[in-house]
C-alpha atoms as a PDB file:
ATOM      1  CA  MET A   1     104.054  54.590 119.165  1.00  0.00           C
ATOM      2  CA  GLU A   2     106.522  56.564 118.307  1.00  0.00           C
ATOM      3  CA  PHE A   3     108.623  54.034 118.962  1.00  0.00           C
ATOM      4  CA  LEU A   4     107.276  51.590 116.337  1.00  0.00           C
ATOM      5  CA  LEU A   5     106.658  54.902 114.015  1.00  0.00           C
ATOM      6  CA  LEU A   6     110.140  54.567 114.319  1.00  0.00           C
ATOM      7  CA  PHE A   7     111.348  51.740 113.826  1.00  0.00           C
ATOM      8  CA  LEU A   8     108.861  50.653 110.712  1.00  0.00           C
ATOM      9  CA  PHE A   9     110.468  53.897 108.873  1.00  0.00           C
ATOM     10  CA  LEU A  10     114.279  53.269 109.263  1.00  0.00           C
ATOM     11  CA  LEU A  11     113.001  49.575 108.407  1.00  0.00           C
ATOM     12  CA  ALA A  12     111.379  50.503 105.366  1.00  0.00           C
ATOM     13  CA  LEU A  13     114.734  52.807 104.784  1.00  0.00           C
ATOM     14  CA  ALA A  14     117.059  49.726 104.866  1.00  0.00           C
ATOM     15  CA  ALA A  15     114.875  47.679 102.603  1.00  0.00           C
ATOM     16  CA  ALA A  16     114.420  50.525 100.093  1.00  0.00           C
ATOM     17  CA  ALA A  17     118.009  50.776 100.143  1.00  0.00           C
ATOM     18  CA  ALA A  18     119.320  47.082  99.599  1.00  0.00           C
ATOM     19  CA  ALA A  19     116.675  47.074  96.952  1.00  0.00           C
ATOM     20  CA  GLY A  20     118.866  49.161  95.645  1.00  0.00           C
ATOM     21  CA  LEU A  21     116.725  52.206  95.157  1.00  0.00           C
ATOM     22  CA  GLY A  22     118.404  54.734  96.514  1.00  0.00           C
ATOM     23  CA  ALA A  23     120.446  57.172  94.212  1.00  0.00           C
ATOM     24  CA  ASP A  24     124.182  58.391  94.434  1.00  0.00           C
ATOM     25  CA  THR A  25     123.082  62.131  93.405  1.00  0.00           C
ATOM     26  CA  ARG A  26     127.168  63.834  94.044  1.00  0.00           C
ATOM     27  CA  ASP A  27     129.380  64.590  91.108  1.00  0.00           C
ATOM     28  CA  SER A  28     132.532  64.262  90.661  1.00  0.00           C
ATOM     29  CA  ALA A  29     133.161  67.250  92.708  1.00  0.00           C
ATOM     30  CA  ASP A  30     132.722  65.744  95.497  1.00  0.00           C
ATOM     31  CA  TRP A  31     135.697  63.641  95.061  1.00  0.00           C
ATOM     32  CA  LYS A  32     138.707  66.120  94.044  1.00  0.00           C
ATOM     33  CA  PRO A  33     141.443  65.439  96.048  1.00  0.00           C
ATOM     34  CA  THR A  34     142.296  68.453  98.675  1.00  0.00           C
ATOM     35  CA  ALA A  35     144.895  70.074 100.581  1.00  0.00           C
ATOM     36  CA  ASP A  36     144.407  71.338 103.953  1.00  0.00           C
ATOM     37  CA  GLY A  37     140.419  71.724 103.256  1.00  0.00           C
ATOM     38  CA  ARG A  38     141.479  73.350 100.247  1.00  0.00           C
ATOM     39  CA  ARG A  39     141.078  72.457  96.773  1.00  0.00           C
ATOM     40  CA  TRP A  40     143.778  71.491  95.073  1.00  0.00           C
ATOM     41  CA  ARG A  41     144.660  72.398  91.595  1.00  0.00           C
ATOM     42  CA  SER A  42     147.500  71.372  89.251  1.00  0.00           C
ATOM     43  CA  GLY A  43     149.902  73.164  88.399  1.00  0.00           C
ATOM     44  CA  THR A  44     149.375  72.769  84.489  1.00  0.00           C
ATOM     45  CA  CYS A  45     147.602  76.043  84.280  1.00  0.00           C
END
């Protein structure tokens, strides 16, 4: 029974994603370049 509930939950998530009901909450800070895990800073400042 638990497997069926898990499967239905995952199926509902997949259907919602296919319908475009998800939202990307990331901002531009998530995409800033890094060098060895540290944020890259330009030399202009």
